[in-house]
Amino acid sequence: MTLVSLASTSFQTLTKLGHLEWPPASEAPFDMRRLLCAEHMFSFTVTVLSPAFRSINAHKNKEMGRHDDLWSLFYVLIEMVNGSLPWRKIKDKDSVGLMKSTFDHRLLLKHLPQDFKQFLEHIESLTYTDTPNYQLL
């Protein structure tokens, strides 16, 4: 089983747990706020625009590719497993970006399964034009 599949939660599972009404009872268009129910399942809130989960390229305002999405996923997974990221409480986005660019990301993997190391090594090897090996992940 891959890290991505371990981290995902299906609509059916959320429905069974009583956190999501699916399909919506009304005929109104699907409201993305319904997905915020995942907040109840974890002890943290993922904010899309949070500097904590941005890739280094996002901090540098560079054009982003598929690997940048994987960096964000990596940070989210690490926070889910470890409970926090070293830069999580820093408010200044430039300081967060600087810390990420100089930080040894392998330190985040202490006491974690080998799969996380493989994930990190793969995304570190990717460039803007590369296609990630999603089967590996």
C-alpha atoms as a PDB file:
ATOM      1  CA  MET A   1       0.000   0.000   0.000  1.00  0.00           C
ATOM      2  CA  THR A   2       1.409   3.419  -0.912  1.00  0.00           C
ATOM      3  CA  LEU A   3       1.689   6.453   1.361  1.00  0.00           C
ATOM      4  CA  VAL A   4      -0.827   8.323  -0.755  1.00  0.00           C
ATOM      5  CA  SER A   5      -3.419   5.578  -0.406  1.00  0.00           C
ATOM      6  CA  LEU A   6      -2.739   5.322   3.337  1.00  0.00           C
ATOM      7  CA  ALA A   7      -3.329   9.056   3.760  1.00  0.00           C
ATOM      8  CA  SER A   8      -6.528   9.266   1.735  1.00  0.00           C
ATOM      9  CA  THR A   9     -10.014   8.831   3.131  1.00  0.00           C
ATOM     10  CA  SER A  10     -12.851   7.906   0.820  1.00  0.00           C
ATOM     11  CA  PHE A  11     -16.226   9.625   0.724  1.00  0.00           C
ATOM     12  CA  GLN A  12     -17.813   6.297   1.660  1.00  0.00           C
ATOM     13  CA  THR A  13     -15.691   6.030   4.811  1.00  0.00           C
ATOM     14  CA  LEU A  14     -16.572   9.578   5.822  1.00  0.00           C
ATOM     15  CA  THR A  15     -20.235   8.841   5.183  1.00  0.00           C
ATOM     16  CA  LYS A  16     -20.124   5.720   7.362  1.00  0.00           C
ATOM     17  CA  LEU A  17     -18.506   7.715  10.154  1.00  0.00           C
ATOM     18  CA  GLY A  18     -21.310  10.268   9.968  1.00  0.00           C
ATOM     19  CA  HIS A  19     -19.045  13.153   8.976  1.00  0.00           C
ATOM     20  CA  LEU A  20     -20.354  13.679   5.472  1.00  0.00           C
ATOM     21  CA  GLU A  21     -23.694  13.568   3.787  1.00  0.00           C
ATOM     22  CA  TRP A  22     -23.057  12.013   0.384  1.00  0.00           C
ATOM     23  CA  PRO A  23     -24.647  12.486  -1.995  1.00  0.00           C
ATOM     24  CA  PRO A  24     -25.951  15.859  -0.826  1.00  0.00           C
ATOM     25  CA  ALA A  25     -29.628  15.767   0.117  1.00  0.00           C
ATOM     26  CA  SER A  26     -30.430  18.964  -1.753  1.00  0.00           C
ATOM     27  CA  GLU A  27     -30.133  19.588  -5.423  1.00  0.00           C
ATOM     28  CA  ALA A  28     -27.765  22.499  -4.737  1.00  0.00           C
ATOM     29  CA  PRO A  29     -24.258  22.295  -6.227  1.00  0.00           C
ATOM     30  CA  PHE A  30     -21.706  20.443  -4.125  1.00  0.00           C
ATOM     31  CA  ASP A  31     -20.345  22.688  -1.379  1.00  0.00           C
ATOM     32  CA  MET A  32     -16.596  22.294  -0.739  1.00  0.00           C
ATOM     33  CA  ARG A  33     -17.198  23.136   2.921  1.00  0.00           C
ATOM     34  CA  ARG A  34     -18.548  19.623   3.315  1.00  0.00           C
ATOM     35  CA  LEU A  35     -15.006  18.345   2.889  1.00  0.00           C
ATOM     36  CA  LEU A  36     -13.869  20.295   5.931  1.00  0.00           C
ATOM     37  CA  CYS A  37     -15.305  17.479   8.007  1.00  0.00           C
ATOM     38  CA  ALA A  38     -11.865  15.870   7.757  1.00  0.00           C
ATOM     39  CA  GLU A  39     -10.795  18.419  10.365  1.00  0.00           C
ATOM     40  CA  HIS A  40     -12.698  16.360  12.928  1.00  0.00           C
ATOM     41  CA  MET A  41     -10.625  13.318  12.062  1.00  0.00           C
ATOM     42  CA  PHE A  42      -7.235  14.959  12.641  1.00  0.00           C
ATOM     43  CA  SER A  43      -5.828  17.139  15.387  1.00  0.00           C
ATOM     44  CA  PHE A  44      -4.688  19.851  13.002  1.00  0.00           C
ATOM     45  CA  THR A  45      -6.203  22.060  10.349  1.00  0.00           C
ATOM     46  CA  VAL A  46      -4.677  22.091   6.888  1.00  0.00           C
ATOM     47  CA  THR A  47      -4.924  25.531   5.399  1.00  0.00           C
ATOM     48  CA  VAL A  48      -4.337  25.511   1.657  1.00  0.00           C
ATOM     49  CA  LEU A  49      -2.454  28.782   1.718  1.00  0.00           C
ATOM     50  CA  SER A  50      -0.429  27.968   4.832  1.00  0.00           C
ATOM     51  CA  PRO A  51       3.318  28.533   4.314  1.00  0.00           C
ATOM     52  CA  ALA A  52       3.921  25.377   6.370  1.00  0.00           C
ATOM     53  CA  PHE A  53       2.864  23.161   3.461  1.00  0.00           C
ATOM     54  CA  ARG A  54       4.141  25.160   0.471  1.00  0.00           C
ATOM     55  CA  SER A  55       6.979  23.835  -1.643  1.00  0.00           C
ATOM     56  CA  ILE A  56      10.243  25.761  -1.734  1.00  0.00           C
ATOM     57  CA  ASN A  57       9.411  26.822  -5.300  1.00  0.00           C
ATOM     58  CA  ALA A  58       6.151  28.327  -4.052  1.00  0.00           C
ATOM     59  CA  HIS A  59       8.074  30.325  -1.455  1.00  0.00           C
ATOM     60  CA  LYS A  60      10.399  31.595  -4.184  1.00  0.00           C
ATOM     61  CA  ASN A  61       7.457  32.466  -6.464  1.00  0.00           C
ATOM     62  CA  LYS A  62       8.798  30.121  -9.141  1.00  0.00           C
ATOM     63  CA  GLU A  63       6.615  28.294 -11.610  1.00  0.00           C
ATOM     64  CA  MET A  64       5.440  25.107  -9.977  1.00  0.00           C
ATOM     65  CA  GLY A  65       5.158  21.616 -11.363  1.00  0.00           C
ATOM     66  CA  ARG A  66       3.820  18.266 -10.250  1.00  0.00           C
ATOM     67  CA  HIS A  67       6.725  17.754  -7.882  1.00  0.00           C
ATOM     68  CA  ASP A  68       5.655  20.842  -5.924  1.00  0.00           C
ATOM     69  CA  ASP A  69       2.280  19.226  -5.215  1.00  0.00           C
ATOM     70  CA  LEU A  70       4.160  16.195  -3.914  1.00  0.00           C
ATOM     71  CA  TRP A  71       6.278  18.388  -1.635  1.00  0.00           C
ATOM     72  CA  SER A  72       3.078  19.828  -0.170  1.00  0.00           C
ATOM     73  CA  LEU A  73       1.675  16.330   0.284  1.00  0.00           C
ATOM     74  CA  PHE A  74       4.931  15.279   1.962  1.00  0.00           C
ATOM     75  CA  TYR A  75       4.673  18.136   4.464  1.00  0.00           C
ATOM     76  CA  VAL A  76       1.028  17.308   5.210  1.00  0.00           C
ATOM     77  CA  LEU A  77       1.845  13.613   5.752  1.00  0.00           C
ATOM     78  CA  ILE A  78       4.772  14.455   8.021  1.00  0.00           C
ATOM     79  CA  GLU A  79       2.607  16.769  10.111  1.00  0.00           C
ATOM     80  CA  MET A  80      -0.089  14.094  10.356  1.00  0.00           C
ATOM     81  CA  VAL A  81       2.402  11.494  11.566  1.00  0.00           C
ATOM     82  CA  ASN A  82       4.747  13.636  13.684  1.00  0.00           C
ATOM     83  CA  GLY A  83       2.155  16.102  14.947  1.00  0.00           C
ATOM     84  CA  SER A  84       3.998  19.201  13.750  1.00  0.00           C
ATOM     85  CA  LEU A  85       6.609  20.593  11.402  1.00  0.00           C
ATOM     86  CA  PRO A  86       9.663  22.504  12.700  1.00  0.00           C
ATOM     87  CA  TRP A  87       8.493  25.723  10.992  1.00  0.00           C
ATOM     88  CA  ARG A  88       4.793  25.355  11.827  1.00  0.00           C
ATOM     89  CA  LYS A  89       4.657  28.174  14.402  1.00  0.00           C
ATOM     90  CA  ILE A  90       6.680  30.664  12.345  1.00  0.00           C
ATOM     91  CA  LYS A  91       4.330  33.342  11.010  1.00  0.00           C
ATOM     92  CA  ASP A  92       6.611  35.034   8.458  1.00  0.00           C
ATOM     93  CA  LYS A  93       6.338  33.139   5.147  1.00  0.00           C
ATOM     94  CA  ASP A  94       9.810  34.268   4.022  1.00  0.00           C
ATOM     95  CA  SER A  95      11.335  32.846   7.195  1.00  0.00           C
ATOM     96  CA  VAL A  96       9.489  29.569   6.628  1.00  0.00           C
ATOM     97  CA  GLY A  97      10.796  29.403   3.047  1.00  0.00           C
ATOM     98  CA  LEU A  98      14.365  30.094   4.172  1.00  0.00           C
ATOM     99  CA  MET A  99      14.160  27.445   6.870  1.00  0.00           C
ATOM    100  CA  LYS A 100      12.829  24.859   4.400  1.00  0.00           C
ATOM    101  CA  SER A 101      15.562  25.633   1.869  1.00  0.00           C
ATOM    102  CA  THR A 102      18.330  25.054   4.445  1.00  0.00           C
ATOM    103  CA  PHE A 103      16.680  22.301   6.487  1.00  0.00           C
ATOM    104  CA  ASP A 104      17.819  18.675   6.244  1.00  0.00           C
ATOM    105  CA  HIS A 105      14.449  17.067   5.480  1.00  0.00           C
ATOM    106  CA  ARG A 106      15.765  13.634   6.486  1.00  0.00           C
ATOM    107  CA  LEU A 107      15.510  14.827  10.090  1.00  0.00           C
ATOM    108  CA  LEU A 108      11.715  14.756   9.684  1.00  0.00           C
ATOM    109  CA  LEU A 109      11.872  11.020   9.038  1.00  0.00           C
ATOM    110  CA  LYS A 110      13.314   9.954  12.379  1.00  0.00           C
ATOM    111  CA  HIS A 111      11.448   6.864  13.619  1.00  0.00           C
ATOM    112  CA  LEU A 112       9.268   6.719  10.485  1.00  0.00           C
ATOM    113  CA  PRO A 113       8.896   3.756   8.105  1.00  0.00           C
ATOM    114  CA  GLN A 114      11.279   3.413   5.163  1.00  0.00           C
ATOM    115  CA  ASP A 115       8.430   4.364   2.791  1.00  0.00           C
ATOM    116  CA  PHE A 116       8.732   7.990   3.891  1.00  0.00           C
ATOM    117  CA  LYS A 117      12.451   8.024   3.082  1.00  0.00           C
ATOM    118  CA  GLN A 118      11.698   6.597  -0.369  1.00  0.00           C
ATOM    119  CA  PHE A 119       9.028   9.281  -0.907  1.00  0.00           C
ATOM    120  CA  LEU A 120      11.453  12.047   0.108  1.00  0.00           C
ATOM    121  CA  GLU A 121      14.296  10.734  -2.055  1.00  0.00           C
ATOM    122  CA  HIS A 122      11.993  10.545  -5.046  1.00  0.00           C
ATOM    123  CA  ILE A 123      10.623  14.078  -4.747  1.00  0.00           C
ATOM    124  CA  GLU A 124      14.118  15.463  -4.099  1.00  0.00           C
ATOM    125  CA  SER A 125      15.228  13.957  -7.413  1.00  0.00           C
ATOM    126  CA  LEU A 126      12.413  15.559  -9.445  1.00  0.00           C
ATOM    127  CA  THR A 127      12.601  18.737 -11.480  1.00  0.00           C
ATOM    128  CA  TYR A 128       9.872  20.867 -13.024  1.00  0.00           C
ATOM    129  CA  THR A 129       9.654  18.802 -16.227  1.00  0.00           C
ATOM    130  CA  ASP A 130       9.864  15.355 -14.616  1.00  0.00           C
ATOM    131  CA  THR A 131       6.873  13.076 -14.330  1.00  0.00           C
ATOM    132  CA  PRO A 132       6.684  11.635 -10.819  1.00  0.00           C
ATOM    133  CA  ASN A 133       6.593   7.877 -10.406  1.00  0.00           C
ATOM    134  CA  TYR A 134       3.138   7.699  -8.872  1.00  0.00           C
ATOM    135  CA  GLN A 135       3.291   3.884  -8.695  1.00  0.00           C
ATOM    136  CA  LEU A 136       6.323   4.198  -6.426  1.00  0.00           C
ATOM    137  CA  LEU A 137       4.525   6.638  -4.173  1.00  0.00           C
END
